[in-house]
Amino acid sequence: MFGDPLNVNYTDSGKEIWKYEMVHSSVDGINFVPGMAYFGSRNHGISKQLAIIFDGNKVLHHTMASSKTVTGTGVLN
């Protein structure tokens, strides 16, 4: 369903941790104003992270987080 994890780690007790991340980003409208490309560009979106701890073949614990993201270049950063 989620595909391969972005990262796989192990706890001190040997349990497996799978980490997933999804980022959805959109271009801000300022990027389309003539002449503004000289000053840079900007995007905004949402980043979601999922971590699953396995105990053998069973899910022991999971956490999910979501955060807003803003990235840019030049003076619009």
N, C-alpha and C. Protein backbone atom coordinates (compact mmCIF):
# COMPACT_ATOMS: atom_id res chain seq x y z
N MET A 1 0.82 -1.19 0.00
CA MET A 1 0.00 0.00 0.00
C MET A 1 0.87 1.26 0.00
N PHE A 2 1.87 1.33 0.85
CA PHE A 2 2.73 2.51 0.90
C PHE A 2 3.99 2.34 0.08
N GLY A 3 4.30 1.15 -0.34
CA GLY A 3 5.54 0.91 -1.08
C GLY A 3 6.71 0.74 -0.14
N ASP A 4 7.91 0.84 -0.69
CA ASP A 4 9.11 0.70 0.11
C ASP A 4 9.28 1.90 1.04
N PRO A 5 9.73 1.66 2.28
CA PRO A 5 9.94 2.78 3.19
C PRO A 5 11.12 3.65 2.73
N LEU A 6 11.09 4.92 3.13
CA LEU A 6 12.17 5.84 2.84
C LEU A 6 13.42 5.45 3.63
N ASN A 7 13.21 4.94 4.85
CA ASN A 7 14.31 4.61 5.74
C ASN A 7 13.91 3.45 6.64
N VAL A 8 14.83 2.55 6.94
CA VAL A 8 14.61 1.45 7.88
C VAL A 8 15.71 1.49 8.92
N ASN A 9 15.31 1.54 10.20
CA ASN A 9 16.25 1.53 11.32
C ASN A 9 15.83 0.47 12.32
N TYR A 10 16.63 0.32 13.37
CA TYR A 10 16.33 -0.65 14.43
C TYR A 10 16.45 0.02 15.79
N THR A 11 15.57 -0.36 16.70
CA THR A 11 15.67 0.14 18.07
C THR A 11 16.79 -0.60 18.78
N ASP A 12 17.12 -0.15 20.00
CA ASP A 12 18.15 -0.82 20.80
C ASP A 12 17.79 -2.27 21.10
N SER A 13 16.49 -2.56 21.17
CA SER A 13 16.04 -3.93 21.45
C SER A 13 15.84 -4.76 20.19
N GLY A 14 16.20 -4.20 19.01
CA GLY A 14 16.14 -4.97 17.76
C GLY A 14 14.84 -4.88 16.99
N LYS A 15 13.91 -4.05 17.43
CA LYS A 15 12.66 -3.91 16.69
C LYS A 15 12.89 -3.02 15.46
N GLU A 16 12.19 -3.33 14.39
CA GLU A 16 12.38 -2.64 13.12
C GLU A 16 11.51 -1.39 13.05
N ILE A 17 12.09 -0.28 12.55
CA ILE A 17 11.36 0.98 12.38
C ILE A 17 11.36 1.34 10.89
N TRP A 18 10.16 1.46 10.33
CA TRP A 18 10.03 1.89 8.94
C TRP A 18 9.55 3.33 8.94
N LYS A 19 10.16 4.18 8.09
CA LYS A 19 9.77 5.59 7.99
C LYS A 19 9.37 5.92 6.56
N TYR A 20 8.24 6.61 6.46
CA TYR A 20 7.71 7.07 5.18
C TYR A 20 7.57 8.59 5.22
N GLU A 21 7.65 9.22 4.06
CA GLU A 21 7.41 10.65 3.97
C GLU A 21 6.74 10.97 2.64
N MET A 22 5.77 11.89 2.70
CA MET A 22 5.07 12.35 1.51
C MET A 22 5.05 13.87 1.55
N VAL A 23 5.41 14.50 0.46
CA VAL A 23 5.39 15.96 0.39
C VAL A 23 4.53 16.36 -0.81
N HIS A 24 3.56 17.22 -0.57
CA HIS A 24 2.74 17.78 -1.64
C HIS A 24 3.04 19.26 -1.70
N SER A 25 3.52 19.73 -2.83
CA SER A 25 3.95 21.12 -2.96
C SER A 25 3.27 21.78 -4.15
N SER A 26 2.95 23.06 -3.98
CA SER A 26 2.33 23.86 -5.04
C SER A 26 3.13 25.13 -5.25
N VAL A 27 3.15 25.59 -6.48
CA VAL A 27 3.86 26.82 -6.84
C VAL A 27 3.00 28.02 -6.44
N ASP A 28 3.61 29.00 -5.78
CA ASP A 28 2.89 30.23 -5.42
C ASP A 28 2.64 31.08 -6.67
N GLY A 29 1.55 31.83 -6.67
CA GLY A 29 1.18 32.67 -7.81
C GLY A 29 2.19 33.75 -8.13
N ILE A 30 2.96 34.19 -7.14
CA ILE A 30 3.96 35.25 -7.37
C ILE A 30 4.99 34.83 -8.42
N ASN A 31 5.16 33.52 -8.59
CA ASN A 31 6.13 33.02 -9.57
C ASN A 31 5.73 33.35 -11.00
N PHE A 32 4.46 33.66 -11.23
CA PHE A 32 3.97 33.90 -12.58
C PHE A 32 3.86 35.39 -12.93
N VAL A 33 4.22 36.26 -12.00
CA VAL A 33 4.18 37.70 -12.25
C VAL A 33 5.40 38.06 -13.11
N PRO A 34 5.18 38.71 -14.26
CA PRO A 34 6.31 39.06 -15.12
C PRO A 34 7.38 39.87 -14.37
N GLY A 35 8.62 39.47 -14.53
CA GLY A 35 9.75 40.15 -13.91
C GLY A 35 10.10 39.67 -12.51
N MET A 36 9.19 38.95 -11.86
CA MET A 36 9.46 38.48 -10.49
C MET A 36 10.45 37.33 -10.44
N ALA A 37 10.64 36.62 -11.54
CA ALA A 37 11.60 35.50 -11.57
C ALA A 37 13.00 35.98 -11.22
N TYR A 38 13.29 37.24 -11.50
CA TYR A 38 14.59 37.82 -11.16
C TYR A 38 14.83 37.78 -9.64
N PHE A 39 13.75 37.92 -8.85
CA PHE A 39 13.87 37.96 -7.40
C PHE A 39 13.81 36.58 -6.75
N GLY A 40 13.42 35.56 -7.49
CA GLY A 40 13.36 34.20 -6.96
C GLY A 40 12.00 33.57 -7.18
N SER A 41 11.78 32.47 -6.50
CA SER A 41 10.51 31.76 -6.61
C SER A 41 10.14 31.20 -5.23
N ARG A 42 8.87 30.78 -5.09
CA ARG A 42 8.43 30.25 -3.81
C ARG A 42 7.37 29.17 -4.02
N ASN A 43 7.43 28.13 -3.18
CA ASN A 43 6.46 27.03 -3.18
C ASN A 43 5.95 26.85 -1.76
N HIS A 44 4.76 26.31 -1.63
CA HIS A 44 4.22 25.97 -0.32
C HIS A 44 3.55 24.60 -0.41
N GLY A 45 3.40 23.95 0.73
CA GLY A 45 2.76 22.64 0.70
C GLY A 45 2.66 22.02 2.08
N ILE A 46 2.48 20.71 2.08
CA ILE A 46 2.34 19.94 3.31
C ILE A 46 3.28 18.74 3.25
N SER A 47 3.95 18.48 4.36
CA SER A 47 4.82 17.31 4.50
C SER A 47 4.20 16.39 5.55
N LYS A 48 4.08 15.12 5.22
CA LYS A 48 3.53 14.14 6.16
C LYS A 48 4.56 13.03 6.38
N GLN A 49 4.75 12.65 7.65
CA GLN A 49 5.69 11.59 8.00
C GLN A 49 4.95 10.50 8.77
N LEU A 50 5.33 9.26 8.49
CA LEU A 50 4.76 8.10 9.17
C LEU A 50 5.91 7.22 9.62
N ALA A 51 5.93 6.84 10.89
CA ALA A 51 6.92 5.90 11.43
C ALA A 51 6.17 4.73 12.04
N ILE A 52 6.59 3.52 11.69
CA ILE A 52 5.96 2.30 12.18
C ILE A 52 7.03 1.45 12.84
N ILE A 53 6.77 1.01 14.08
CA ILE A 53 7.68 0.11 14.80
C ILE A 53 7.07 -1.28 14.79
N PHE A 54 7.83 -2.24 14.28
CA PHE A 54 7.37 -3.62 14.19
C PHE A 54 8.02 -4.47 15.28
N ASP A 55 7.22 -5.37 15.85
CA ASP A 55 7.71 -6.41 16.76
C ASP A 55 7.45 -7.73 16.05
N GLY A 56 8.44 -8.20 15.30
CA GLY A 56 8.23 -9.36 14.44
C GLY A 56 7.36 -8.95 13.27
N ASN A 57 6.22 -9.63 13.09
CA ASN A 57 5.30 -9.30 12.01
C ASN A 57 4.13 -8.44 12.47
N LYS A 58 4.16 -7.98 13.74
CA LYS A 58 3.08 -7.17 14.29
C LYS A 58 3.50 -5.72 14.45
N VAL A 59 2.56 -4.81 14.24
CA VAL A 59 2.83 -3.39 14.47
C VAL A 59 2.75 -3.14 15.97
N LEU A 60 3.86 -2.68 16.54
CA LEU A 60 3.92 -2.39 17.97
C LEU A 60 3.44 -0.97 18.25
N HIS A 61 3.84 -0.02 17.40
CA HIS A 61 3.51 1.39 17.61
C HIS A 61 3.65 2.12 16.28
N HIS A 62 2.90 3.20 16.13
CA HIS A 62 3.06 4.05 14.94
C HIS A 62 2.84 5.51 15.33
N THR A 63 3.47 6.40 14.59
CA THR A 63 3.25 7.84 14.77
C THR A 63 3.09 8.47 13.40
N MET A 64 2.27 9.51 13.36
CA MET A 64 2.07 10.24 12.12
C MET A 64 2.13 11.73 12.44
N ALA A 65 2.85 12.48 11.62
CA ALA A 65 2.97 13.92 11.81
C ALA A 65 2.76 14.62 10.49
N SER A 66 2.29 15.86 10.58
CA SER A 66 2.05 16.67 9.39
C SER A 66 2.53 18.09 9.69
N SER A 67 3.16 18.72 8.70
CA SER A 67 3.62 20.09 8.88
C SER A 67 3.54 20.85 7.57
N LYS A 68 3.34 22.16 7.69
CA LYS A 68 3.32 23.02 6.50
C LYS A 68 4.76 23.29 6.08
N THR A 69 4.99 23.38 4.77
CA THR A 69 6.32 23.67 4.25
C THR A 69 6.26 24.89 3.34
N VAL A 70 7.32 25.67 3.39
CA VAL A 70 7.50 26.80 2.48
C VAL A 70 8.95 26.78 2.04
N THR A 71 9.16 26.73 0.75
CA THR A 71 10.53 26.76 0.21
C THR A 71 10.60 27.85 -0.83
N GLY A 72 11.79 28.40 -0.99
CA GLY A 72 11.95 29.45 -1.97
C GLY A 72 13.40 29.69 -2.31
N THR A 73 13.59 30.52 -3.32
CA THR A 73 14.93 30.91 -3.75
C THR A 73 14.99 32.41 -3.83
N GLY A 74 16.19 32.95 -3.78
CA GLY A 74 16.37 34.40 -3.91
C GLY A 74 15.79 35.15 -2.74
N VAL A 75 15.35 36.38 -2.98
CA VAL A 75 14.82 37.22 -1.91
C VAL A 75 13.43 36.79 -1.47
N LEU A 76 12.77 35.93 -2.22
CA LEU A 76 11.45 35.42 -1.83
C LEU A 76 11.55 34.28 -0.82
N ASN A 77 12.75 33.86 -0.51
CA ASN A 77 12.97 32.75 0.42
C ASN A 77 12.64 33.15 1.82
